[in-house]
């Protein structure tokens, strides 16, 4: 495998793909996907964003069932805490990617390797 130097713009693009969704799509749709560093982080970020969407949908479904039974007082607090936790984890993964460390997300890293 040919060794290459990771540019600062590639590190920033890979890191921002974890925090924001659009840089991951940009990498996937352009020639940046040919760089192994960018492609690996974009695939993991897209898979992580898909997992976040599934989690959010499950929270909304659970709320709609619970609100029919009783008013779930702490729902807003739980949703905000879930969002903060997800964004915090995404920022942590982005920081690891920017520092050129290996990002291993349980279950997601295995699935994203199949996308490459």
PDB file of N, CA and C in Angstrom:
ATOM      1  N   UNK A   1       0.846  -1.173   0.000  1.00  0.00           N
ATOM      2  CA  UNK A   1       0.000   0.000   0.000  1.00  0.00           C
ATOM      3  C   UNK A   1       0.891   1.236   0.000  1.00  0.00           C
ATOM      4  N   UNK A   2       0.536   2.193  -0.808  1.00  0.00           N
ATOM      5  CA  UNK A   2       1.324   3.400  -0.954  1.00  0.00           C
ATOM      6  C   UNK A   2       1.125   4.308   0.261  1.00  0.00           C
ATOM      7  N   UNK A   3       2.224   4.726   0.867  1.00  0.00           N
ATOM      8  CA  UNK A   3       2.154   5.626   2.008  1.00  0.00           C
ATOM      9  C   UNK A   3       1.898   7.047   1.509  1.00  0.00           C
ATOM     10  N   UNK A   4       1.119   7.776   2.230  1.00  0.00           N
ATOM     11  CA  UNK A   4       0.832   9.148   1.859  1.00  0.00           C
ATOM     12  C   UNK A   4       0.803  10.004   3.120  1.00  0.00           C
ATOM     13  N   UNK A   5       1.028  11.280   2.910  1.00  0.00           N
ATOM     14  CA  UNK A   5       1.012  12.228   4.014  1.00  0.00           C
ATOM     15  C   UNK A   5      -0.398  12.763   4.158  1.00  0.00           C
ATOM     16  N   UNK A   6      -0.901  12.724   5.370  1.00  0.00           N
ATOM     17  CA  UNK A   6      -2.247  13.222   5.632  1.00  0.00           C
ATOM     18  C   UNK A   6      -2.166  14.734   5.798  1.00  0.00           C
ATOM     19  N   UNK A   7      -2.858  15.444   4.936  1.00  0.00           N
ATOM     20  CA  UNK A   7      -2.860  16.903   4.988  1.00  0.00           C
ATOM     21  C   UNK A   7      -3.755  17.380   6.129  1.00  0.00           C
ATOM     22  N   UNK A   8      -3.504  18.604   6.550  1.00  0.00           N
ATOM     23  CA  UNK A   8      -4.289  19.179   7.629  1.00  0.00           C
ATOM     24  C   UNK A   8      -5.752  19.341   7.214  1.00  0.00           C
ATOM     25  N   UNK A   9      -6.001  19.677   5.946  1.00  0.00           N
ATOM     26  CA  UNK A   9      -7.383  19.819   5.484  1.00  0.00           C
ATOM     27  C   UNK A   9      -8.113  18.477   5.478  1.00  0.00           C
ATOM     28  N   UNK A  10      -7.392  17.389   5.213  1.00  0.00           N
ATOM     29  CA  UNK A  10      -8.013  16.064   5.269  1.00  0.00           C
ATOM     30  C   UNK A  10      -8.351  15.680   6.702  1.00  0.00           C
ATOM     31  N   UNK A  11      -7.471  16.025   7.635  1.00  0.00           N
ATOM     32  CA  UNK A  11      -7.745  15.745   9.042  1.00  0.00           C
ATOM     33  C   UNK A  11      -8.950  16.540   9.525  1.00  0.00           C
ATOM     34  N   UNK A  12      -9.033  17.796   9.113  1.00  0.00           N
ATOM     35  CA  UNK A  12     -10.152  18.639   9.523  1.00  0.00           C
ATOM     36  C   UNK A  12     -11.461  18.155   8.904  1.00  0.00           C
ATOM     37  N   UNK A  13     -11.409  17.730   7.662  1.00  0.00           N
ATOM     38  CA  UNK A  13     -12.606  17.217   6.991  1.00  0.00           C
ATOM     39  C   UNK A  13     -13.073  15.917   7.631  1.00  0.00           C
ATOM     40  N   UNK A  14     -12.139  15.034   7.963  1.00  0.00           N
ATOM     41  CA  UNK A  14     -12.501  13.776   8.620  1.00  0.00           C
ATOM     42  C   UNK A  14     -13.072  14.030  10.009  1.00  0.00           C
ATOM     43  N   UNK A  15     -12.493  14.964  10.743  1.00  0.00           N
ATOM     44  CA  UNK A  15     -12.983  15.269  12.093  1.00  0.00           C
ATOM     45  C   UNK A  15     -14.359  15.912  12.047  1.00  0.00           C
ATOM     46  N   UNK A  16     -14.566  16.820  11.096  1.00  0.00           N
ATOM     47  CA  UNK A  16     -15.871  17.493  11.031  1.00  0.00           C
ATOM     48  C   UNK A  16     -16.974  16.577  10.514  1.00  0.00           C
ATOM     49  N   UNK A  17     -16.608  15.486   9.859  1.00  0.00           N
ATOM     50  CA  UNK A  17     -17.643  14.570   9.371  1.00  0.00           C
ATOM     51  C   UNK A  17     -18.335  13.833  10.516  1.00  0.00           C
ATOM     52  N   UNK A  18     -17.680  13.720  11.666  1.00  0.00           N
ATOM     53  CA  UNK A  18     -18.325  13.102  12.824  1.00  0.00           C
ATOM     54  C   UNK A  18     -19.320  14.052  13.478  1.00  0.00           C
ATOM     55  N   UNK A  19     -18.977  15.333  13.521  1.00  0.00           N
ATOM     56  CA  UNK A  19     -19.813  16.304  14.222  1.00  0.00           C
ATOM     57  C   UNK A  19     -20.954  16.801  13.334  1.00  0.00           C
ATOM     58  N   UNK A  20     -20.661  17.002  12.057  1.00  0.00           N
ATOM     59  CA  UNK A  20     -21.662  17.457  11.096  1.00  0.00           C
ATOM     60  C   UNK A  20     -21.824  16.385  10.037  1.00  0.00           C
ATOM     61  N   UNK A  21     -23.007  16.243   9.501  1.00  0.00           N
ATOM     62  CA  UNK A  21     -23.306  15.172   8.554  1.00  0.00           C
ATOM     63  C   UNK A  21     -22.780  15.468   7.147  1.00  0.00           C
ATOM     64  N   UNK A  22     -22.822  16.717   6.720  1.00  0.00           N
ATOM     65  CA  UNK A  22     -22.522  17.063   5.333  1.00  0.00           C
ATOM     66  C   UNK A  22     -21.075  16.823   4.911  1.00  0.00           C
ATOM     67  N   UNK A  23     -20.066  17.022   5.761  1.00  0.00           N
ATOM     68  CA  UNK A  23     -18.714  16.682   5.309  1.00  0.00           C
ATOM     69  C   UNK A  23     -18.546  15.193   4.977  1.00  0.00           C
ATOM     70  N   UNK A  24     -19.248  14.324   5.701  1.00  0.00           N
ATOM     71  CA  UNK A  24     -19.176  12.891   5.397  1.00  0.00           C
ATOM     72  C   UNK A  24     -19.790  12.605   4.029  1.00  0.00           C
ATOM     73  N   UNK A  25     -20.894  13.261   3.723  1.00  0.00           N
ATOM     74  CA  UNK A  25     -21.524  13.097   2.408  1.00  0.00           C
ATOM     75  C   UNK A  25     -20.614  13.672   1.319  1.00  0.00           C
ATOM     76  N   UNK A  26     -19.969  14.805   1.604  1.00  0.00           N
ATOM     77  CA  UNK A  26     -19.038  15.416   0.650  1.00  0.00           C
ATOM     78  C   UNK A  26     -17.900  14.448   0.317  1.00  0.00           C
ATOM     79  N   UNK A  27     -17.345  13.806   1.341  1.00  0.00           N
ATOM     80  CA  UNK A  27     -16.260  12.855   1.106  1.00  0.00           C
ATOM     81  C   UNK A  27     -16.758  11.683   0.268  1.00  0.00           C
ATOM     82  N   UNK A  28     -17.953  11.208   0.587  1.00  0.00           N
ATOM     83  CA  UNK A  28     -18.489  10.041  -0.118  1.00  0.00           C
ATOM     84  C   UNK A  28     -18.806  10.332  -1.586  1.00  0.00           C
ATOM     85  N   UNK A  29     -19.161  11.564  -1.905  1.00  0.00           N
ATOM     86  CA  UNK A  29     -19.588  11.890  -3.264  1.00  0.00           C
ATOM     87  C   UNK A  29     -18.490  12.481  -4.147  1.00  0.00           C
ATOM     88  N   UNK A  30     -17.332  12.790  -3.583  1.00  0.00           N
ATOM     89  CA  UNK A  30     -16.258  13.390  -4.369  1.00  0.00           C
ATOM     90  C   UNK A  30     -15.054  12.451  -4.435  1.00  0.00           C
ATOM     91  N   UNK A  31     -13.980  12.949  -5.014  1.00  0.00           N
ATOM     92  CA  UNK A  31     -12.759  12.145  -5.139  1.00  0.00           C
ATOM     93  C   UNK A  31     -12.028  11.963  -3.819  1.00  0.00           C
ATOM     94  N   UNK A  32     -12.481  12.630  -2.781  1.00  0.00           N
ATOM     95  CA  UNK A  32     -11.865  12.457  -1.461  1.00  0.00           C
ATOM     96  C   UNK A  32     -12.033  11.022  -0.957  1.00  0.00           C
ATOM     97  N   UNK A  33     -13.024  10.314  -1.475  1.00  0.00           N
ATOM     98  CA  UNK A  33     -13.266   8.942  -1.026  1.00  0.00           C
ATOM     99  C   UNK A  33     -12.145   7.997  -1.445  1.00  0.00           C
ATOM    100  N   UNK A  34     -11.293   8.435  -2.375  1.00  0.00           N
ATOM    101  CA  UNK A  34     -10.177   7.603  -2.814  1.00  0.00           C
ATOM    102  C   UNK A  34      -9.021   7.607  -1.823  1.00  0.00           C
ATOM    103  N   UNK A  35      -8.991   8.584  -0.936  1.00  0.00           N
ATOM    104  CA  UNK A  35      -7.970   8.622   0.117  1.00  0.00           C
ATOM    105  C   UNK A  35      -8.426   7.724   1.260  1.00  0.00           C
ATOM    106  N   UNK A  36      -7.625   6.744   1.641  1.00  0.00           N
ATOM    107  CA  UNK A  36      -8.065   5.780   2.662  1.00  0.00           C
ATOM    108  C   UNK A  36      -8.435   6.430   4.005  1.00  0.00           C
ATOM    109  N   UNK A  37      -7.700   7.465   4.392  1.00  0.00           N
ATOM    110  CA  UNK A  37      -7.963   8.130   5.681  1.00  0.00           C
ATOM    111  C   UNK A  37      -9.343   8.779   5.670  1.00  0.00           C
ATOM    112  N   UNK A  38      -9.634   9.538   4.619  1.00  0.00           N
ATOM    113  CA  UNK A  38     -10.925  10.208   4.527  1.00  0.00           C
ATOM    114  C   UNK A  38     -12.064   9.217   4.348  1.00  0.00           C
ATOM    115  N   UNK A  39     -11.845   8.200   3.530  1.00  0.00           N
ATOM    116  CA  UNK A  39     -12.898   7.224   3.265  1.00  0.00           C
ATOM    117  C   UNK A  39     -13.275   6.448   4.525  1.00  0.00           C
ATOM    118  N   UNK A  40     -12.277   6.065   5.305  1.00  0.00           N
ATOM    119  CA  UNK A  40     -12.556   5.310   6.532  1.00  0.00           C
ATOM    120  C   UNK A  40     -13.372   6.138   7.515  1.00  0.00           C
ATOM    121  N   UNK A  41     -12.985   7.387   7.713  1.00  0.00           N
ATOM    122  CA  UNK A  41     -13.704   8.226   8.671  1.00  0.00           C
ATOM    123  C   UNK A  41     -15.082   8.629   8.153  1.00  0.00           C
ATOM    124  N   UNK A  42     -15.213   8.839   6.859  1.00  0.00           N
ATOM    125  CA  UNK A  42     -16.525   9.178   6.304  1.00  0.00           C
ATOM    126  C   UNK A  42     -17.489   8.011   6.446  1.00  0.00           C
ATOM    127  N   UNK A  43     -17.015   6.796   6.184  1.00  0.00           N
ATOM    128  CA  UNK A  43     -17.886   5.623   6.321  1.00  0.00           C
ATOM    129  C   UNK A  43     -18.328   5.443   7.769  1.00  0.00           C
ATOM    130  N   UNK A  44     -17.411   5.624   8.708  1.00  0.00           N
ATOM    131  CA  UNK A  44     -17.780   5.497  10.128  1.00  0.00           C
ATOM    132  C   UNK A  44     -18.737   6.607  10.531  1.00  0.00           C
ATOM    133  N   UNK A  45     -18.503   7.818  10.044  1.00  0.00           N
ATOM    134  CA  UNK A  45     -19.367   8.937  10.411  1.00  0.00           C
ATOM    135  C   UNK A  45     -20.779   8.761   9.855  1.00  0.00           C
ATOM    136  N   UNK A  46     -20.888   8.305   8.624  1.00  0.00           N
ATOM    137  CA  UNK A  46     -22.216   8.074   8.039  1.00  0.00           C
ATOM    138  C   UNK A  46     -22.945   6.987   8.805  1.00  0.00           C
ATOM    139  N   UNK A  47     -22.240   5.941   9.158  1.00  0.00           N
ATOM    140  CA  UNK A  47     -22.851   4.861   9.933  1.00  0.00           C
ATOM    141  C   UNK A  47     -23.246   5.350  11.326  1.00  0.00           C
ATOM    142  N   UNK A  48     -22.420   6.182  11.936  1.00  0.00           N
ATOM    143  CA  UNK A  48     -22.745   6.743  13.248  1.00  0.00           C
ATOM    144  C   UNK A  48     -23.971   7.649  13.168  1.00  0.00           C
ATOM    145  N   UNK A  49     -24.062   8.474  12.130  1.00  0.00           N
ATOM    146  CA  UNK A  49     -25.232   9.326  11.957  1.00  0.00           C
ATOM    147  C   UNK A  49     -26.493   8.504  11.706  1.00  0.00           C
ATOM    148  N   UNK A  50     -26.367   7.399  10.990  1.00  0.00           N
ATOM    149  CA  UNK A  50     -27.526   6.519  10.786  1.00  0.00           C
ATOM    150  C   UNK A  50     -27.967   5.900  12.109  1.00  0.00           C
ATOM    151  N   UNK A  51     -27.004   5.507  12.941  1.00  0.00           N
ATOM    152  CA  UNK A  51     -27.344   4.962  14.264  1.00  0.00           C
ATOM    153  C   UNK A  51     -28.022   6.024  15.122  1.00  0.00           C
ATOM    154  N   UNK A  52     -27.550   7.274  15.045  1.00  0.00           N
ATOM    155  CA  UNK A  52     -28.199   8.357  15.787  1.00  0.00           C
ATOM    156  C   UNK A  52     -29.642   8.546  15.331  1.00  0.00           C
ATOM    157  N   UNK A  53     -29.879   8.457  14.029  1.00  0.00           N
ATOM    158  CA  UNK A  53     -31.238   8.612  13.508  1.00  0.00           C
ATOM    159  C   UNK A  53     -32.143   7.498  14.018  1.00  0.00           C
ATOM    160  N   UNK A  54     -31.642   6.273  14.050  1.00  0.00           N
ATOM    161  CA  UNK A  54     -32.437   5.153  14.553  1.00  0.00           C
ATOM    162  C   UNK A  54     -32.741   5.345  16.042  1.00  0.00           C
ATOM    163  N   UNK A  55     -31.748   5.772  16.801  1.00  0.00           N
ATOM    164  CA  UNK A  55     -31.961   6.013  18.230  1.00  0.00           C
ATOM    165  C   UNK A  55     -33.008   7.101  18.444  1.00  0.00           C
ATOM    166  N   UNK A  56     -32.930   8.171  17.670  1.00  0.00           N
ATOM    167  CA  UNK A  56     -33.887   9.264  17.805  1.00  0.00           C
ATOM    168  C   UNK A  56     -35.298   8.801  17.459  1.00  0.00           C
ATOM    169  N   UNK A  57     -35.423   8.011  16.394  1.00  0.00           N
ATOM    170  CA  UNK A  57     -36.747   7.500  16.018  1.00  0.00           C
ATOM    171  C   UNK A  57     -37.301   6.590  17.106  1.00  0.00           C
ATOM    172  N   UNK A  58     -36.457   5.749  17.687  1.00  0.00           N
ATOM    173  CA  UNK A  58     -36.922   4.874  18.769  1.00  0.00           C
ATOM    174  C   UNK A  58     -37.351   5.672  19.997  1.00  0.00           C
ATOM    175  N   UNK A  59     -36.648   6.743  20.295  1.00  0.00           N
ATOM    176  CA  UNK A  59     -37.050   7.603  21.412  1.00  0.00           C
ATOM    177  C   UNK A  59     -38.404   8.240  21.129  1.00  0.00           C
ATOM    178  N   UNK A  60     -38.613   8.703  19.903  1.00  0.00           N
ATOM    179  CA  UNK A  60     -39.904   9.319  19.548  1.00  0.00           C
ATOM    180  C   UNK A  60     -41.040   8.298  19.605  1.00  0.00           C
ATOM    181  N   UNK A  61     -40.792   7.071  19.151  1.00  0.00           N
ATOM    182  CA  UNK A  61     -41.828   6.036  19.202  1.00  0.00           C
ATOM    183  C   UNK A  61     -42.156   5.686  20.647  1.00  0.00           C
ATOM    184  N   UNK A  62     -41.128   5.549  21.464  1.00  0.00           N
ATOM    185  CA  UNK A  62     -41.357   5.246  22.887  1.00  0.00           C
ATOM    186  C   UNK A  62     -42.147   6.366  23.546  1.00  0.00           C
ATOM    187  N   UNK A  63     -41.844   7.609  23.205  1.00  0.00           N
ATOM    188  CA  UNK A  63     -42.576   8.728  23.793  1.00  0.00           C
ATOM    189  C   UNK A  63     -44.036   8.713  23.369  1.00  0.00           C
ATOM    190  N   UNK A  64     -44.305   8.417  22.095  1.00  0.00           N
ATOM    191  CA  UNK A  64     -45.695   8.424  21.644  1.00  0.00           C
ATOM    192  C   UNK A  64     -46.507   7.326  22.327  1.00  0.00           C
ATOM    193  N   UNK A  65     -45.868   6.184  22.642  1.00  0.00           N
ATOM    194  CA  UNK A  65     -46.574   5.151  23.390  1.00  0.00           C
ATOM    195  C   UNK A  65     -46.776   5.550  24.846  1.00  0.00           C
ATOM    196  N   UNK A  66     -45.764   6.125  25.445  1.00  0.00           N
ATOM    197  CA  UNK A  66     -45.852   6.513  26.854  1.00  0.00           C
ATOM    198  C   UNK A  66     -46.775   7.693  27.070  1.00  0.00           C
ATOM    199  N   UNK A  67     -46.849   8.606  26.118  1.00  0.00           N
ATOM    200  CA  UNK A  67     -47.709   9.771  26.319  1.00  0.00           C
ATOM    201  C   UNK A  67     -49.175   9.393  26.258  1.00  0.00           C
ATOM    202  N   UNK A  68     -49.498   8.294  25.603  1.00  0.00           N
ATOM    203  CA  UNK A  68     -50.873   7.838  25.594  1.00  0.00           C
ATOM    204  C   UNK A  68     -51.300   7.249  26.928  1.00  0.00           C
ATOM    205  N   UNK A  69     -50.337   6.745  27.694  1.00  0.00           N
ATOM    206  CA  UNK A  69     -50.639   6.136  28.985  1.00  0.00           C
ATOM    207  C   UNK A  69     -50.609   7.175  30.097  1.00  0.00           C
ATOM    208  N   UNK A  70     -49.536   7.909  30.183  1.00  0.00           N
ATOM    209  CA  UNK A  70     -49.405   8.977  31.176  1.00  0.00           C
ATOM    210  C   UNK A  70     -48.444  10.033  30.626  1.00  0.00           C
ATOM    211  N   UNK A  71     -48.507  11.183  31.207  1.00  0.00           N
ATOM    212  CA  UNK A  71     -47.620  12.247  30.759  1.00  0.00           C
ATOM    213  C   UNK A  71     -46.217  11.978  31.267  1.00  0.00           C
ATOM    214  N   UNK A  72     -45.288  11.889  30.360  1.00  0.00           N
ATOM    215  CA  UNK A  72     -43.912  11.578  30.699  1.00  0.00           C
ATOM    216  C   UNK A  72     -43.168  12.891  30.947  1.00  0.00           C
ATOM    217  N   UNK A  73     -43.065  13.272  32.206  1.00  0.00           N
ATOM    218  CA  UNK A  73     -42.561  14.585  32.598  1.00  0.00           C
ATOM    219  C   UNK A  73     -41.101  14.792  32.193  1.00  0.00           C
ATOM    220  N   UNK A  74     -40.293  13.792  32.344  1.00  0.00           N
ATOM    221  CA  UNK A  74     -38.865  13.957  32.103  1.00  0.00           C
ATOM    222  C   UNK A  74     -38.454  13.720  30.651  1.00  0.00           C
ATOM    223  N   UNK A  75     -39.408  13.627  29.757  1.00  0.00           N
ATOM    224  CA  UNK A  75     -39.087  13.325  28.362  1.00  0.00           C
ATOM    225  C   UNK A  75     -38.153  14.368  27.750  1.00  0.00           C
ATOM    226  N   UNK A  76     -38.519  15.646  27.907  1.00  0.00           N
ATOM    227  CA  UNK A  76     -37.686  16.697  27.311  1.00  0.00           C
ATOM    228  C   UNK A  76     -36.274  16.670  27.859  1.00  0.00           C
ATOM    229  N   UNK A  77     -36.141  16.442  29.152  1.00  0.00           N
ATOM    230  CA  UNK A  77     -34.816  16.373  29.750  1.00  0.00           C
ATOM    231  C   UNK A  77     -34.032  15.174  29.216  1.00  0.00           C
ATOM    232  N   UNK A  78     -34.682  14.036  29.089  1.00  0.00           N
ATOM    233  CA  UNK A  78     -34.015  12.848  28.579  1.00  0.00           C
ATOM    234  C   UNK A  78     -33.583  13.014  27.125  1.00  0.00           C
ATOM    235  N   UNK A  79     -34.424  13.651  26.318  1.00  0.00           N
ATOM    236  CA  UNK A  79     -34.077  13.874  24.918  1.00  0.00           C
ATOM    237  C   UNK A  79     -32.887  14.824  24.814  1.00  0.00           C
ATOM    238  N   UNK A  80     -32.884  15.871  25.619  1.00  0.00           N
ATOM    239  CA  UNK A  80     -31.770  16.820  25.586  1.00  0.00           C
ATOM    240  C   UNK A  80     -30.485  16.168  26.066  1.00  0.00           C
ATOM    241  N   UNK A  81     -30.568  15.337  27.086  1.00  0.00           N
ATOM    242  CA  UNK A  81     -29.382  14.628  27.559  1.00  0.00           C
ATOM    243  C   UNK A  81     -28.875  13.636  26.511  1.00  0.00           C
ATOM    244  N   UNK A  82     -29.791  12.985  25.807  1.00  0.00           N
ATOM    245  CA  UNK A  82     -29.390  12.060  24.744  1.00  0.00           C
ATOM    246  C   UNK A  82     -28.690  12.813  23.616  1.00  0.00           C
ATOM    247  N   UNK A  83     -29.222  13.975  23.242  1.00  0.00           N
ATOM    248  CA  UNK A  83     -28.580  14.775  22.196  1.00  0.00           C
ATOM    249  C   UNK A  83     -27.193  15.238  22.623  1.00  0.00           C
ATOM    250  N   UNK A  84     -27.074  15.697  23.853  1.00  0.00           N
ATOM    251  CA  UNK A  84     -25.773  16.149  24.346  1.00  0.00           C
ATOM    252  C   UNK A  84     -24.781  14.989  24.366  1.00  0.00           C
ATOM    253  N   UNK A  85     -25.235  13.816  24.802  1.00  0.00           N
ATOM    254  CA  UNK A  85     -24.349  12.653  24.843  1.00  0.00           C
ATOM    255  C   UNK A  85     -23.915  12.239  23.438  1.00  0.00           C
ATOM    256  N   UNK A  86     -24.837  12.248  22.479  1.00  0.00           N
ATOM    257  CA  UNK A  86     -24.491  11.862  21.115  1.00  0.00           C
ATOM    258  C   UNK A  86     -23.535  12.870  20.472  1.00  0.00           C
ATOM    259  N   UNK A  87     -23.802  14.147  20.639  1.00  0.00           N
ATOM    260  CA  UNK A  87     -22.908  15.161  20.081  1.00  0.00           C
ATOM    261  C   UNK A  87     -21.549  15.126  20.770  1.00  0.00           C
ATOM    262  N   UNK A  88     -21.541  14.884  22.070  1.00  0.00           N
ATOM    263  CA  UNK A  88     -20.273  14.784  22.786  1.00  0.00           C
ATOM    264  C   UNK A  88     -19.439  13.617  22.296  1.00  0.00           C
ATOM    265  N   UNK A  89     -20.082  12.474  22.067  1.00  0.00           N
ATOM    266  CA  UNK A  89     -19.353  11.314  21.551  1.00  0.00           C
ATOM    267  C   UNK A  89     -18.862  11.566  20.132  1.00  0.00           C
ATOM    268  N   UNK A  90     -19.677  12.240  19.328  1.00  0.00           N
ATOM    269  CA  UNK A  90     -19.258  12.577  17.969  1.00  0.00           C
ATOM    270  C   UNK A  90     -18.068  13.534  17.995  1.00  0.00           C
ATOM    271  N   UNK A  91     -18.079  14.496  18.904  1.00  0.00           N
ATOM    272  CA  UNK A  91     -16.953  15.425  19.030  1.00  0.00           C
ATOM    273  C   UNK A  91     -15.692  14.686  19.487  1.00  0.00           C
ATOM    274  N   UNK A  92     -15.854  13.728  20.379  1.00  0.00           N
ATOM    275  CA  UNK A  92     -14.720  12.925  20.834  1.00  0.00           C
ATOM    276  C   UNK A  92     -14.133  12.118  19.673  1.00  0.00           C
ATOM    277  N   UNK A  93     -14.984  11.506  18.865  1.00  0.00           N
ATOM    278  CA  UNK A  93     -14.506  10.756  17.699  1.00  0.00           C
ATOM    279  C   UNK A  93     -13.831  11.691  16.703  1.00  0.00           C
ATOM    280  N   UNK A  94     -14.380  12.889  16.528  1.00  0.00           N
ATOM    281  CA  UNK A  94     -13.765  13.867  15.642  1.00  0.00           C
ATOM    282  C   UNK A  94     -12.397  14.307  16.136  1.00  0.00           C
ATOM    283  N   UNK A  95     -12.259  14.465  17.443  1.00  0.00           N
ATOM    284  CA  UNK A  95     -10.965  14.830  18.013  1.00  0.00           C
ATOM    285  C   UNK A  95      -9.940  13.725  17.803  1.00  0.00           C
ATOM    286  N   UNK A  96     -10.373  12.487  17.972  1.00  0.00           N
ATOM    287  CA  UNK A  96      -9.470  11.363  17.707  1.00  0.00           C
ATOM    288  C   UNK A  96      -9.050  11.334  16.237  1.00  0.00           C
ATOM    289  N   UNK A  97      -9.994  11.584  15.349  1.00  0.00           N
ATOM    290  CA  UNK A  97      -9.683  11.582  13.917  1.00  0.00           C
ATOM    291  C   UNK A  97      -8.734  12.710  13.560  1.00  0.00           C
ATOM    292  N   UNK A  98      -8.906  13.866  14.168  1.00  0.00           N
ATOM    293  CA  UNK A  98      -8.031  14.996  13.868  1.00  0.00           C
ATOM    294  C   UNK A  98      -6.605  14.741  14.345  1.00  0.00           C
ATOM    295  N   UNK A  99      -6.478  14.040  15.457  1.00  0.00           N
ATOM    296  CA  UNK A  99      -5.150  13.723  15.989  1.00  0.00           C
ATOM    297  C   UNK A  99      -4.547  12.465  15.370  1.00  0.00           C
ATOM    298  N   UNK A 100      -5.177  11.956  14.319  1.00  0.00           N
ATOM    299  CA  UNK A 100      -4.724  10.781  13.565  1.00  0.00           C
ATOM    300  C   UNK A 100      -4.687   9.510  14.413  1.00  0.00           C
ATOM    301  N   UNK A 101      -5.542   9.432  15.411  1.00  0.00           N
ATOM    302  CA  UNK A 101      -5.679   8.211  16.199  1.00  0.00           C
ATOM    303  C   UNK A 101      -6.710   7.311  15.542  1.00  0.00           C
ATOM    304  N   UNK A 102      -6.640   6.042  15.850  1.00  0.00           N
ATOM    305  CA  UNK A 102      -7.600   5.073  15.323  1.00  0.00           C
ATOM    306  C   UNK A 102      -8.917   5.241  16.063  1.00  0.00           C
ATOM    307  N   UNK A 103      -9.993   5.406  15.323  1.00  0.00           N
ATOM    308  CA  UNK A 103     -11.325   5.549  15.908  1.00  0.00           C
ATOM    309  C   UNK A 103     -12.018   4.204  15.792  1.00  0.00           C
ATOM    310  N   UNK A 104     -12.279   3.577  16.912  1.00  0.00           N
ATOM    311  CA  UNK A 104     -12.988   2.294  16.948  1.00  0.00           C
ATOM    312  C   UNK A 104     -14.303   2.485  17.700  1.00  0.00           C
ATOM    313  N   UNK A 105     -15.391   2.521  16.969  1.00  0.00           N
ATOM    314  CA  UNK A 105     -16.719   2.650  17.566  1.00  0.00           C
ATOM    315  C   UNK A 105     -17.308   1.248  17.627  1.00  0.00           C
ATOM    316  N   UNK A 106     -17.716   0.798  18.811  1.00  0.00           N
ATOM    317  CA  UNK A 106     -18.240  -0.574  18.922  1.00  0.00           C
ATOM    318  C   UNK A 106     -19.399  -0.817  17.954  1.00  0.00           C
ATOM    319  N   UNK A 107     -19.363  -1.923  17.272  1.00  0.00           N
ATOM    320  CA  UNK A 107     -20.358  -2.401  16.304  1.00  0.00           C
ATOM    321  C   UNK A 107     -20.403  -1.541  15.037  1.00  0.00           C
ATOM    322  N   UNK A 108     -20.184  -0.265  15.146  1.00  0.00           N
ATOM    323  CA  UNK A 108     -20.278   0.618  13.987  1.00  0.00           C
ATOM    324  C   UNK A 108     -19.029   0.502  13.121  1.00  0.00           C
ATOM    325  N   UNK A 109     -17.862   0.380  13.742  1.00  0.00           N
ATOM    326  CA  UNK A 109     -16.626   0.255  12.972  1.00  0.00           C
ATOM    327  C   UNK A 109     -16.631  -1.014  12.121  1.00  0.00           C
ATOM    328  N   UNK A 110     -17.147  -2.100  12.681  1.00  0.00           N
ATOM    329  CA  UNK A 110     -17.215  -3.350  11.913  1.00  0.00           C
ATOM    330  C   UNK A 110     -18.137  -3.210  10.710  1.00  0.00           C
ATOM    331  N   UNK A 111     -19.281  -2.582  10.900  1.00  0.00           N
ATOM    332  CA  UNK A 111     -20.237  -2.421   9.814  1.00  0.00           C
ATOM    333  C   UNK A 111     -19.718  -1.442   8.768  1.00  0.00           C
ATOM    334  N   UNK A 112     -19.043  -0.366   9.207  1.00  0.00           N
ATOM    335  CA  UNK A 112     -18.577   0.630   8.250  1.00  0.00           C
ATOM    336  C   UNK A 112     -17.440   0.103   7.392  1.00  0.00           C
ATOM    337  N   UNK A 113     -16.683  -0.873   7.888  1.00  0.00           N
ATOM    338  CA  UNK A 113     -15.615  -1.474   7.070  1.00  0.00           C
ATOM    339  C   UNK A 113     -16.211  -2.238   5.890  1.00  0.00           C
ATOM    340  N   UNK A 114     -17.424  -2.730   6.046  1.00  0.00           N
ATOM    341  CA  UNK A 114     -18.098  -3.410   4.950  1.00  0.00           C
ATOM    342  C   UNK A 114     -18.538  -2.419   3.863  1.00  0.00           C
ATOM    343  N   UNK A 115     -18.743  -1.152   4.259  1.00  0.00           N
ATOM    344  CA  UNK A 115     -19.140  -0.133   3.283  1.00  0.00           C
ATOM    345  C   UNK A 115     -17.987   0.251   2.377  1.00  0.00           C
ATOM    346  N   UNK A 116     -16.769   0.125   2.883  1.00  0.00           N
ATOM    347  CA  UNK A 116     -15.603   0.494   2.070  1.00  0.00           C
ATOM    348  C   UNK A 116     -15.379  -0.580   1.071  1.00  0.00           C
TER     349      UNK A 116
END
